[in-house]
Amino acid sequence: MPRIEIKSEITGIVWKLQAKPGDTLIVIESIKMEIPIITEVGGMLGELLVGERDPVTEGQIVAIIEA
């Protein structure tokens, strides 16, 4: 089963975790803006590597999808 790494597109703080297929997976807050991280692939959430209020950096792996 292929593993797909989902990465943060921006440096900020994890504001909200949501795990809905085909929808927003994580919302990151940066400079008072909410940036959604959306997965374009189907599959199951294999690992969630961040929690709410965790700091993240651009390019950091935040979740693994089992496709």
PDB file of N, CA and C in Angstrom:
ATOM      1  N   MET A   1       0.837  -1.168   0.000  1.00  0.00           N
ATOM      2  CA  MET A   1       0.000   0.000   0.000  1.00  0.00           C
ATOM      3  C   MET A   1       0.896   1.251   0.000  1.00  0.00           C
ATOM      4  N   PRO A   2       0.760   2.129  -0.995  1.00  0.00           N
ATOM      5  CA  PRO A   2       1.603   3.325  -1.050  1.00  0.00           C
ATOM      6  C   PRO A   2       1.290   4.299   0.085  1.00  0.00           C
ATOM      7  N   ARG A   3       2.345   4.954   0.559  1.00  0.00           N
ATOM      8  CA  ARG A   3       2.204   5.977   1.604  1.00  0.00           C
ATOM      9  C   ARG A   3       2.460   7.341   0.969  1.00  0.00           C
ATOM     10  N   ILE A   4       1.570   8.260   1.176  1.00  0.00           N
ATOM     11  CA  ILE A   4       1.692   9.589   0.604  1.00  0.00           C
ATOM     12  C   ILE A   4       1.905  10.583   1.741  1.00  0.00           C
ATOM     13  N   GLU A   5       2.989  11.363   1.643  1.00  0.00           N
ATOM     14  CA  GLU A   5       3.306  12.351   2.667  1.00  0.00           C
ATOM     15  C   GLU A   5       2.568  13.647   2.366  1.00  0.00           C
ATOM     16  N   ILE A   6       1.869  14.164   3.368  1.00  0.00           N
ATOM     17  CA  ILE A   6       1.185  15.443   3.254  1.00  0.00           C
ATOM     18  C   ILE A   6       2.039  16.462   3.997  1.00  0.00           C
ATOM     19  N   LYS A   7       2.418  17.553   3.293  1.00  0.00           N
ATOM     20  CA  LYS A   7       3.346  18.535   3.866  1.00  0.00           C
ATOM     21  C   LYS A   7       2.663  19.885   4.063  1.00  0.00           C
ATOM     22  N   SER A   8       3.160  20.612   5.055  1.00  0.00           N
ATOM     23  CA  SER A   8       2.693  21.968   5.298  1.00  0.00           C
ATOM     24  C   SER A   8       3.214  22.870   4.185  1.00  0.00           C
ATOM     25  N   GLU A   9       2.375  23.760   3.731  1.00  0.00           N
ATOM     26  CA  GLU A   9       2.771  24.695   2.681  1.00  0.00           C
ATOM     27  C   GLU A   9       3.298  26.009   3.252  1.00  0.00           C
ATOM     28  N   ILE A  10       3.227  26.152   4.583  1.00  0.00           N
ATOM     29  CA  ILE A  10       3.582  27.426   5.201  1.00  0.00           C
ATOM     30  C   ILE A  10       4.028  27.193   6.641  1.00  0.00           C
ATOM     31  N   THR A  11       4.797  28.113   7.175  1.00  0.00           N
ATOM     32  CA  THR A  11       5.182  28.066   8.586  1.00  0.00           C
ATOM     33  C   THR A  11       4.066  28.711   9.405  1.00  0.00           C
ATOM     34  N   GLY A  12       3.674  28.063  10.495  1.00  0.00           N
ATOM     35  CA  GLY A  12       2.607  28.604  11.335  1.00  0.00           C
ATOM     36  C   GLY A  12       2.310  27.679  12.501  1.00  0.00           C
ATOM     37  N   ILE A  13       1.098  27.755  13.002  1.00  0.00           N
ATOM     38  CA  ILE A  13       0.624  26.958  14.125  1.00  0.00           C
ATOM     39  C   ILE A  13      -0.573  26.136  13.654  1.00  0.00           C
ATOM     40  N   VAL A  14      -0.627  24.861  14.037  1.00  0.00           N
ATOM     41  CA  VAL A  14      -1.791  24.036  13.708  1.00  0.00           C
ATOM     42  C   VAL A  14      -2.979  24.592  14.488  1.00  0.00           C
ATOM     43  N   TRP A  15      -3.980  25.039  13.774  1.00  0.00           N
ATOM     44  CA  TRP A  15      -5.144  25.655  14.386  1.00  0.00           C
ATOM     45  C   TRP A  15      -6.244  24.641  14.622  1.00  0.00           C
ATOM     46  N   LYS A  16      -6.476  23.758  13.636  1.00  0.00           N
ATOM     47  CA  LYS A  16      -7.572  22.802  13.741  1.00  0.00           C
ATOM     48  C   LYS A  16      -7.229  21.540  12.967  1.00  0.00           C
ATOM     49  N   LEU A  17      -7.568  20.388  13.545  1.00  0.00           N
ATOM     50  CA  LEU A  17      -7.413  19.106  12.857  1.00  0.00           C
ATOM     51  C   LEU A  17      -8.781  18.649  12.393  1.00  0.00           C
ATOM     52  N   GLN A  18      -8.867  18.265  11.139  1.00  0.00           N
ATOM     53  CA  GLN A  18     -10.096  17.742  10.557  1.00  0.00           C
ATOM     54  C   GLN A  18      -9.676  16.594   9.664  1.00  0.00           C
ATOM     55  N   ALA A  19     -10.351  15.505   9.735  1.00  0.00           N
ATOM     56  CA  ALA A  19      -9.978  14.362   8.905  1.00  0.00           C
ATOM     57  C   ALA A  19     -11.190  13.866   8.136  1.00  0.00           C
ATOM     58  N   LYS A  20     -11.530  14.600   7.095  1.00  0.00           N
ATOM     59  CA  LYS A  20     -12.647  14.226   6.240  1.00  0.00           C
ATOM     60  C   LYS A  20     -12.108  13.917   4.851  1.00  0.00           C
ATOM     61  N   PRO A  21     -12.392  12.741   4.303  1.00  0.00           N
ATOM     62  CA  PRO A  21     -11.877  12.397   2.973  1.00  0.00           C
ATOM     63  C   PRO A  21     -12.271  13.442   1.925  1.00  0.00           C
ATOM     64  N   GLY A  22     -11.284  13.849   1.138  1.00  0.00           N
ATOM     65  CA  GLY A  22     -11.533  14.794   0.056  1.00  0.00           C
ATOM     66  C   GLY A  22     -11.787  16.212   0.534  1.00  0.00           C
ATOM     67  N   ASP A  23     -11.577  16.458   1.804  1.00  0.00           N
ATOM     68  CA  ASP A  23     -11.835  17.767   2.370  1.00  0.00           C
ATOM     69  C   ASP A  23     -10.572  18.263   3.062  1.00  0.00           C
ATOM     70  N   THR A  24     -10.709  19.325   3.809  1.00  0.00           N
ATOM     71  CA  THR A  24      -9.580  19.864   4.555  1.00  0.00           C
ATOM     72  C   THR A  24      -9.113  18.864   5.590  1.00  0.00           C
ATOM     73  N   LEU A  25      -7.819  18.656   5.670  1.00  0.00           N
ATOM     74  CA  LEU A  25      -7.234  17.732   6.639  1.00  0.00           C
ATOM     75  C   LEU A  25      -6.772  18.486   7.879  1.00  0.00           C
ATOM     76  N   ILE A  26      -6.078  19.580   7.679  1.00  0.00           N
ATOM     77  CA  ILE A  26      -5.518  20.383   8.762  1.00  0.00           C
ATOM     78  C   ILE A  26      -5.644  21.851   8.368  1.00  0.00           C
ATOM     79  N   VAL A  27      -5.874  22.719   9.350  1.00  0.00           N
ATOM     80  CA  VAL A  27      -5.866  24.159   9.111  1.00  0.00           C
ATOM     81  C   VAL A  27      -4.707  24.746   9.908  1.00  0.00           C
ATOM     82  N   ILE A  28      -3.838  25.493   9.236  1.00  0.00           N
ATOM     83  CA  ILE A  28      -2.687  26.132   9.868  1.00  0.00           C
ATOM     84  C   ILE A  28      -2.926  27.635   9.904  1.00  0.00           C
ATOM     85  N   GLU A  29      -2.648  28.237  11.040  1.00  0.00           N
ATOM     86  CA  GLU A  29      -2.778  29.685  11.184  1.00  0.00           C
ATOM     87  C   GLU A  29      -1.401  30.316  11.028  1.00  0.00           C
ATOM     88  N   SER A  30      -1.329  31.342  10.189  1.00  0.00           N
ATOM     89  CA  SER A  30      -0.083  32.074   9.991  1.00  0.00           C
ATOM     90  C   SER A  30      -0.421  33.526   9.684  1.00  0.00           C
ATOM     91  N   ILE A  31       0.102  34.411  10.462  1.00  0.00           N
ATOM     92  CA  ILE A  31      -0.129  35.850  10.284  1.00  0.00           C
ATOM     93  C   ILE A  31      -1.643  36.141  10.225  1.00  0.00           C
ATOM     94  N   LYS A  32      -2.369  35.533  11.158  1.00  0.00           N
ATOM     95  CA  LYS A  32      -3.820  35.714  11.312  1.00  0.00           C
ATOM     96  C   LYS A  32      -4.616  35.241  10.097  1.00  0.00           C
ATOM     97  N   MET A  33      -4.016  34.404   9.258  1.00  0.00           N
ATOM     98  CA  MET A  33      -4.724  33.805   8.127  1.00  0.00           C
ATOM     99  C   MET A  33      -4.849  32.314   8.396  1.00  0.00           C
ATOM    100  N   GLU A  34      -5.950  31.718   7.944  1.00  0.00           N
ATOM    101  CA  GLU A  34      -6.150  30.272   8.079  1.00  0.00           C
ATOM    102  C   GLU A  34      -5.854  29.615   6.734  1.00  0.00           C
ATOM    103  N   ILE A  35      -4.855  28.729   6.717  1.00  0.00           N
ATOM    104  CA  ILE A  35      -4.414  28.068   5.490  1.00  0.00           C
ATOM    105  C   ILE A  35      -4.804  26.594   5.575  1.00  0.00           C
ATOM    106  N   PRO A  36      -5.729  26.124   4.728  1.00  0.00           N
ATOM    107  CA  PRO A  36      -6.102  24.712   4.782  1.00  0.00           C
ATOM    108  C   PRO A  36      -5.071  23.835   4.079  1.00  0.00           C
ATOM    109  N   ILE A  37      -4.838  22.665   4.623  1.00  0.00           N
ATOM    110  CA  ILE A  37      -4.040  21.633   3.954  1.00  0.00           C
ATOM    111  C   ILE A  37      -5.036  20.573   3.512  1.00  0.00           C
ATOM    112  N   ILE A  38      -5.151  20.414   2.209  1.00  0.00           N
ATOM    113  CA  ILE A  38      -6.152  19.521   1.621  1.00  0.00           C
ATOM    114  C   ILE A  38      -5.442  18.386   0.924  1.00  0.00           C
ATOM    115  N   THR A  39      -5.942  17.183   1.107  1.00  0.00           N
ATOM    116  CA  THR A  39      -5.385  16.045   0.395  1.00  0.00           C
ATOM    117  C   THR A  39      -6.185  15.807  -0.881  1.00  0.00           C
ATOM    118  N   GLU A  40      -5.503  15.615  -1.963  1.00  0.00           N
ATOM    119  CA  GLU A  40      -6.145  15.374  -3.253  1.00  0.00           C
ATOM    120  C   GLU A  40      -6.277  13.882  -3.550  1.00  0.00           C
ATOM    121  N   VAL A  41      -5.729  13.054  -2.667  1.00  0.00           N
ATOM    122  CA  VAL A  41      -5.739  11.616  -2.906  1.00  0.00           C
ATOM    123  C   VAL A  41      -6.709  10.928  -1.967  1.00  0.00           C
ATOM    124  N   GLY A  42      -7.276   9.820  -2.431  1.00  0.00           N
ATOM    125  CA  GLY A  42      -8.134   9.024  -1.573  1.00  0.00           C
ATOM    126  C   GLY A  42      -7.302   8.073  -0.730  1.00  0.00           C
ATOM    127  N   GLY A  43      -7.866   7.602   0.316  1.00  0.00           N
ATOM    128  CA  GLY A  43      -7.172   6.659   1.181  1.00  0.00           C
ATOM    129  C   GLY A  43      -7.526   6.910   2.630  1.00  0.00           C
ATOM    130  N   MET A  44      -6.834   6.204   3.496  1.00  0.00           N
ATOM    131  CA  MET A  44      -7.069   6.349   4.926  1.00  0.00           C
ATOM    132  C   MET A  44      -5.936   7.143   5.557  1.00  0.00           C
ATOM    133  N   LEU A  45      -6.279   7.906   6.569  1.00  0.00           N
ATOM    134  CA  LEU A  45      -5.269   8.626   7.319  1.00  0.00           C
ATOM    135  C   LEU A  45      -4.459   7.603   8.086  1.00  0.00           C
ATOM    136  N   GLY A  46      -3.191   7.433   7.710  1.00  0.00           N
ATOM    137  CA  GLY A  46      -2.333   6.452   8.347  1.00  0.00           C
ATOM    138  C   GLY A  46      -1.705   6.989   9.618  1.00  0.00           C
ATOM    139  N   GLU A  47      -1.189   8.216   9.549  1.00  0.00           N
ATOM    140  CA  GLU A  47      -0.557   8.851  10.703  1.00  0.00           C
ATOM    141  C   GLU A  47      -0.833  10.338  10.669  1.00  0.00           C
ATOM    142  N   LEU A  48      -1.113  10.896  11.814  1.00  0.00           N
ATOM    143  CA  LEU A  48      -1.216  12.334  11.978  1.00  0.00           C
ATOM    144  C   LEU A  48      -0.033  12.737  12.835  1.00  0.00           C
ATOM    145  N   LEU A  49       0.877  13.504  12.285  1.00  0.00           N
ATOM    146  CA  LEU A  49       2.161  13.773  12.927  1.00  0.00           C
ATOM    147  C   LEU A  49       2.206  15.083  13.708  1.00  0.00           C
ATOM    148  N   VAL A  50       1.085  15.797  13.764  1.00  0.00           N
ATOM    149  CA  VAL A  50       1.008  17.050  14.517  1.00  0.00           C
ATOM    150  C   VAL A  50      -0.272  17.066  15.347  1.00  0.00           C
ATOM    151  N   GLY A  51      -0.297  17.930  16.327  1.00  0.00           N
ATOM    152  CA  GLY A  51      -1.485  18.135  17.133  1.00  0.00           C
ATOM    153  C   GLY A  51      -1.877  19.605  17.096  1.00  0.00           C
ATOM    154  N   GLU A  52      -3.079  19.914  17.589  1.00  0.00           N
ATOM    155  CA  GLU A  52      -3.516  21.302  17.633  1.00  0.00           C
ATOM    156  C   GLU A  52      -2.558  22.114  18.503  1.00  0.00           C
ATOM    157  N   ARG A  53      -2.265  23.318  18.056  1.00  0.00           N
ATOM    158  CA  ARG A  53      -1.361  24.279  18.696  1.00  0.00           C
ATOM    159  C   ARG A  53       0.118  23.959  18.473  1.00  0.00           C
ATOM    160  N   ASP A  54       0.446  22.895  17.723  1.00  0.00           N
ATOM    161  CA  ASP A  54       1.843  22.587  17.411  1.00  0.00           C
ATOM    162  C   ASP A  54       2.374  23.566  16.360  1.00  0.00           C
ATOM    163  N   PRO A  55       3.603  24.032  16.511  1.00  0.00           N
ATOM    164  CA  PRO A  55       4.208  24.830  15.448  1.00  0.00           C
ATOM    165  C   PRO A  55       4.650  23.923  14.299  1.00  0.00           C
ATOM    166  N   VAL A  56       4.519  24.404  13.075  1.00  0.00           N
ATOM    167  CA  VAL A  56       4.981  23.664  11.897  1.00  0.00           C
ATOM    168  C   VAL A  56       5.796  24.595  11.014  1.00  0.00           C
ATOM    169  N   THR A  57       6.657  24.006  10.203  1.00  0.00           N
ATOM    170  CA  THR A  57       7.449  24.787   9.263  1.00  0.00           C
ATOM    171  C   THR A  57       7.069  24.400   7.840  1.00  0.00           C
ATOM    172  N   GLU A  58       7.352  25.276   6.913  1.00  0.00           N
ATOM    173  CA  GLU A  58       7.067  25.008   5.510  1.00  0.00           C
ATOM    174  C   GLU A  58       7.800  23.748   5.068  1.00  0.00           C
ATOM    175  N   GLY A  59       7.077  22.829   4.441  1.00  0.00           N
ATOM    176  CA  GLY A  59       7.662  21.591   3.952  1.00  0.00           C
ATOM    177  C   GLY A  59       7.658  20.449   4.963  1.00  0.00           C
ATOM    178  N   GLN A  60       7.258  20.732   6.199  1.00  0.00           N
ATOM    179  CA  GLN A  60       7.213  19.684   7.238  1.00  0.00           C
ATOM    180  C   GLN A  60       6.108  18.686   6.926  1.00  0.00           C
ATOM    181  N   ILE A  61       6.404  17.412   7.092  1.00  0.00           N
ATOM    182  CA  ILE A  61       5.385  16.365   6.907  1.00  0.00           C
ATOM    183  C   ILE A  61       4.445  16.413   8.094  1.00  0.00           C
ATOM    184  N   VAL A  62       3.140  16.575   7.840  1.00  0.00           N
ATOM    185  CA  VAL A  62       2.162  16.689   8.919  1.00  0.00           C
ATOM    186  C   VAL A  62       1.244  15.475   9.006  1.00  0.00           C
ATOM    187  N   ALA A  63       1.174  14.688   7.936  1.00  0.00           N
ATOM    188  CA  ALA A  63       0.309  13.504   7.937  1.00  0.00           C
ATOM    189  C   ALA A  63       0.778  12.528   6.861  1.00  0.00           C
ATOM    190  N   ILE A  64       0.411  11.269   7.046  1.00  0.00           N
ATOM    191  CA  ILE A  64       0.680  10.211   6.069  1.00  0.00           C
ATOM    192  C   ILE A  64      -0.668   9.607   5.673  1.00  0.00           C
ATOM    193  N   ILE A  65      -0.911   9.532   4.368  1.00  0.00           N
ATOM    194  CA  ILE A  65      -2.114   8.897   3.842  1.00  0.00           C
ATOM    195  C   ILE A  65      -1.742   7.538   3.287  1.00  0.00           C
ATOM    196  N   GLU A  66      -2.491   6.529   3.665  1.00  0.00           N
ATOM    197  CA  GLU A  66      -2.329   5.169   3.121  1.00  0.00           C
ATOM    198  C   GLU A  66      -3.289   5.061   1.933  1.00  0.00           C
ATOM    199  N   ALA A  67      -2.755   5.104   0.699  1.00  0.00           N
ATOM    200  CA  ALA A  67      -3.600   5.094  -0.502  1.00  0.00           C
ATOM    201  C   ALA A  67      -3.921   3.685  -0.950  1.00  0.00           C
TER     202      ALA A  67
END
